[in-house]
Amino acid sequence: MSLPMLKRIGLLLGLMMSSVVVSAESGADLYKTYCWQCHGMQADGMGVNIPDMSVQPRDHTDTKAMTARSDEELFKAIKNGGQAIEKSVLMPPWGEVMSDEEIQSLVRYLRELCKCG
């Protein structure tokens, strides 16, 4: 294999690896973008939107409550909305906004927040 071809393969592998790292680290950024308004800057369910909500948003720092939900349930709730897991209709579906990889990254971040992952 020629040196230019090896360089191209190396560059491609480097780009692939960097995108994996960005995806894995983007959970916190996704949370700041999509979740803070309801779940709060401290992830305690005390977001700026709660005065107008009939249901208190989930406290993502509550280890006991968060441990009761599987990663699959969290993924489904984020992707398809709260109703998908028989929770609040106020939790919107984000599947049209976030990719499955981004939702998985967000689920991993939720596990960090609750210290249950």
C-alpha atoms as a PDB file:
ATOM      1  CA  MET A   1       0.000   0.000   0.000  1.00  0.00           C
ATOM      2  CA  SER A   2       1.369   3.425  -0.900  1.00  0.00           C
ATOM      3  CA  LEU A   3       2.215   6.109   1.645  1.00  0.00           C
ATOM      4  CA  PRO A   4      -0.463   8.545   0.354  1.00  0.00           C
ATOM      5  CA  MET A   5      -3.078   5.780   0.710  1.00  0.00           C
ATOM      6  CA  LEU A   6      -1.920   5.031   4.273  1.00  0.00           C
ATOM      7  CA  LYS A   7      -2.131   8.731   5.116  1.00  0.00           C
ATOM      8  CA  ARG A   8      -5.704   8.878   3.776  1.00  0.00           C
ATOM      9  CA  ILE A   9      -6.670   5.810   5.801  1.00  0.00           C
ATOM     10  CA  GLY A  10      -5.058   7.330   8.896  1.00  0.00           C
ATOM     11  CA  LEU A  11      -6.898  10.597   8.355  1.00  0.00           C
ATOM     12  CA  LEU A  12     -10.195   8.777   7.900  1.00  0.00           C
ATOM     13  CA  LEU A  13      -9.666   6.722  11.059  1.00  0.00           C
ATOM     14  CA  GLY A  14      -8.742   9.870  12.975  1.00  0.00           C
ATOM     15  CA  LEU A  15     -11.908  11.616  11.854  1.00  0.00           C
ATOM     16  CA  MET A  16     -14.010   8.608  12.783  1.00  0.00           C
ATOM     17  CA  MET A  17     -12.460   8.417  16.236  1.00  0.00           C
ATOM     18  CA  SER A  18     -12.882  12.140  16.865  1.00  0.00           C
ATOM     19  CA  SER A  19     -16.575  11.959  15.975  1.00  0.00           C
ATOM     20  CA  VAL A  20     -17.024   9.093  18.436  1.00  0.00           C
ATOM     21  CA  VAL A  21     -15.399  11.135  21.187  1.00  0.00           C
ATOM     22  CA  VAL A  22     -17.508  14.204  20.395  1.00  0.00           C
ATOM     23  CA  SER A  23     -20.676  12.097  20.453  1.00  0.00           C
ATOM     24  CA  ALA A  24     -19.712  10.497  23.773  1.00  0.00           C
ATOM     25  CA  GLU A  25     -18.982  13.868  25.370  1.00  0.00           C
ATOM     26  CA  SER A  26     -21.973  15.697  23.988  1.00  0.00           C
ATOM     27  CA  GLY A  27     -24.487  14.461  26.571  1.00  0.00           C
ATOM     28  CA  ALA A  28     -23.857  17.456  28.834  1.00  0.00           C
ATOM     29  CA  ASP A  29     -24.225  19.870  25.922  1.00  0.00           C
ATOM     30  CA  LEU A  30     -27.421  18.172  24.786  1.00  0.00           C
ATOM     31  CA  TYR A  31     -28.778  18.406  28.323  1.00  0.00           C
ATOM     32  CA  LYS A  32     -27.992  22.133  28.431  1.00  0.00           C
ATOM     33  CA  THR A  33     -29.711  22.651  25.097  1.00  0.00           C
ATOM     34  CA  TYR A  34     -32.844  20.552  25.504  1.00  0.00           C
ATOM     35  CA  CYS A  35     -33.390  19.637  29.164  1.00  0.00           C
ATOM     36  CA  TRP A  36     -32.414  22.523  31.456  1.00  0.00           C
ATOM     37  CA  GLN A  37     -35.585  24.516  30.840  1.00  0.00           C
ATOM     38  CA  CYS A  38     -37.713  21.913  32.620  1.00  0.00           C
ATOM     39  CA  HIS A  39     -35.262  19.761  34.590  1.00  0.00           C
ATOM     40  CA  GLY A  40     -33.160  22.677  35.859  1.00  0.00           C
ATOM     41  CA  MET A  41     -29.558  23.779  35.727  1.00  0.00           C
ATOM     42  CA  GLN A  42     -28.846  21.512  38.694  1.00  0.00           C
ATOM     43  CA  ALA A  43     -30.836  18.647  37.059  1.00  0.00           C
ATOM     44  CA  ASP A  44     -33.078  18.654  40.139  1.00  0.00           C
ATOM     45  CA  GLY A  45     -36.404  19.125  38.360  1.00  0.00           C
ATOM     46  CA  MET A  46     -36.512  22.833  39.179  1.00  0.00           C
ATOM     47  CA  GLY A  47     -36.300  24.388  35.725  1.00  0.00           C
ATOM     48  CA  VAL A  48     -37.559  27.801  34.702  1.00  0.00           C
ATOM     49  CA  ASN A  49     -40.663  26.267  33.084  1.00  0.00           C
ATOM     50  CA  ILE A  50     -42.053  24.589  36.208  1.00  0.00           C
ATOM     51  CA  PRO A  51     -44.395  27.404  37.306  1.00  0.00           C
ATOM     52  CA  ASP A  52     -46.439  26.704  34.174  1.00  0.00           C
ATOM     53  CA  MET A  53     -46.351  22.909  34.465  1.00  0.00           C
ATOM     54  CA  SER A  54     -48.970  20.686  36.069  1.00  0.00           C
ATOM     55  CA  VAL A  55     -46.413  17.902  36.647  1.00  0.00           C
ATOM     56  CA  GLN A  56     -43.058  18.310  38.387  1.00  0.00           C
ATOM     57  CA  PRO A  57     -40.231  17.318  35.998  1.00  0.00           C
ATOM     58  CA  ARG A  58     -38.030  14.387  37.003  1.00  0.00           C
ATOM     59  CA  ASP A  59     -35.148  15.113  39.356  1.00  0.00           C
ATOM     60  CA  HIS A  60     -32.258  13.544  37.449  1.00  0.00           C
ATOM     61  CA  THR A  61     -30.045  13.631  40.534  1.00  0.00           C
ATOM     62  CA  ASP A  62     -32.431  11.316  42.451  1.00  0.00           C
ATOM     63  CA  THR A  63     -30.472   8.051  42.434  1.00  0.00           C
ATOM     64  CA  LYS A  64     -33.367   5.901  43.658  1.00  0.00           C
ATOM     65  CA  ALA A  65     -35.878   7.187  41.092  1.00  0.00           C
ATOM     66  CA  MET A  66     -33.408   7.120  38.213  1.00  0.00           C
ATOM     67  CA  THR A  67     -32.183   3.610  39.079  1.00  0.00           C
ATOM     68  CA  ALA A  68     -35.788   2.423  38.721  1.00  0.00           C
ATOM     69  CA  ARG A  69     -35.640   3.253  34.985  1.00  0.00           C
ATOM     70  CA  SER A  70     -33.600   1.181  32.553  1.00  0.00           C
ATOM     71  CA  ASP A  71     -31.437   2.779  29.896  1.00  0.00           C
ATOM     72  CA  GLU A  72     -33.960   1.521  27.345  1.00  0.00           C
ATOM     73  CA  GLU A  73     -36.811   3.305  29.121  1.00  0.00           C
ATOM     74  CA  LEU A  74     -34.838   6.536  29.323  1.00  0.00           C
ATOM     75  CA  PHE A  75     -33.966   6.258  25.634  1.00  0.00           C
ATOM     76  CA  LYS A  76     -37.610   5.630  24.740  1.00  0.00           C
ATOM     77  CA  ALA A  77     -38.827   8.579  26.849  1.00  0.00           C
ATOM     78  CA  ILE A  78     -36.323  10.939  25.245  1.00  0.00           C
ATOM     79  CA  LYS A  79     -36.939   9.702  21.723  1.00  0.00           C
ATOM     80  CA  ASN A  80     -40.735   9.307  21.849  1.00  0.00           C
ATOM     81  CA  GLY A  81     -41.793  11.513  24.769  1.00  0.00           C
ATOM     82  CA  GLY A  82     -43.088  10.841  28.256  1.00  0.00           C
ATOM     83  CA  GLN A  83     -46.236   9.114  27.048  1.00  0.00           C
ATOM     84  CA  ALA A  84     -44.097   6.367  25.498  1.00  0.00           C
ATOM     85  CA  ILE A  85     -43.300   5.098  29.005  1.00  0.00           C
ATOM     86  CA  GLU A  86     -46.644   6.125  30.538  1.00  0.00           C
ATOM     87  CA  LYS A  87     -45.268   9.327  32.021  1.00  0.00           C
ATOM     88  CA  SER A  88     -46.151  12.976  31.515  1.00  0.00           C
ATOM     89  CA  VAL A  89     -47.363  14.243  28.162  1.00  0.00           C
ATOM     90  CA  LEU A  90     -45.356  17.381  28.961  1.00  0.00           C
ATOM     91  CA  MET A  91     -42.128  15.497  28.191  1.00  0.00           C
ATOM     92  CA  PRO A  92     -41.788  16.107  24.449  1.00  0.00           C
ATOM     93  CA  PRO A  93     -40.427  13.585  21.949  1.00  0.00           C
ATOM     94  CA  TRP A  94     -36.915  14.523  20.804  1.00  0.00           C
ATOM     95  CA  GLY A  95     -36.482  11.776  18.186  1.00  0.00           C
ATOM     96  CA  GLU A  96     -36.918  14.207  15.307  1.00  0.00           C
ATOM     97  CA  VAL A  97     -34.336  16.583  16.800  1.00  0.00           C
ATOM     98  CA  MET A  98     -31.657  14.218  18.127  1.00  0.00           C
ATOM     99  CA  SER A  99     -30.095  11.181  16.498  1.00  0.00           C
ATOM    100  CA  ASP A 100     -30.154   7.820  18.273  1.00  0.00           C
ATOM    101  CA  GLU A 101     -26.437   8.285  19.033  1.00  0.00           C
ATOM    102  CA  GLU A 102     -27.123  11.664  20.646  1.00  0.00           C
ATOM    103  CA  ILE A 103     -29.957  10.194  22.698  1.00  0.00           C
ATOM    104  CA  GLN A 104     -27.648   7.392  23.856  1.00  0.00           C
ATOM    105  CA  SER A 105     -25.078  10.011  24.832  1.00  0.00           C
ATOM    106  CA  LEU A 106     -27.753  11.861  26.780  1.00  0.00           C
ATOM    107  CA  VAL A 107     -28.780   8.639  28.576  1.00  0.00           C
ATOM    108  CA  ARG A 108     -25.141   8.108  29.595  1.00  0.00           C
ATOM    109  CA  TYR A 109     -25.045  11.676  30.905  1.00  0.00           C
ATOM    110  CA  LEU A 110     -28.251  11.093  32.900  1.00  0.00           C
ATOM    111  CA  ARG A 111     -26.508   8.142  34.544  1.00  0.00           C
ATOM    112  CA  GLU A 112     -23.646  10.437  35.512  1.00  0.00           C
ATOM    113  CA  LEU A 113     -26.066  12.968  36.990  1.00  0.00           C
ATOM    114  CA  CYS A 114     -27.783  10.399  39.179  1.00  0.00           C
ATOM    115  CA  LYS A 115     -24.547   8.609  40.044  1.00  0.00           C
ATOM    116  CA  CYS A 116     -26.297   5.353  39.173  1.00  0.00           C
ATOM    117  CA  GLY A 117     -24.577   4.274  36.011  1.00  0.00           C
END
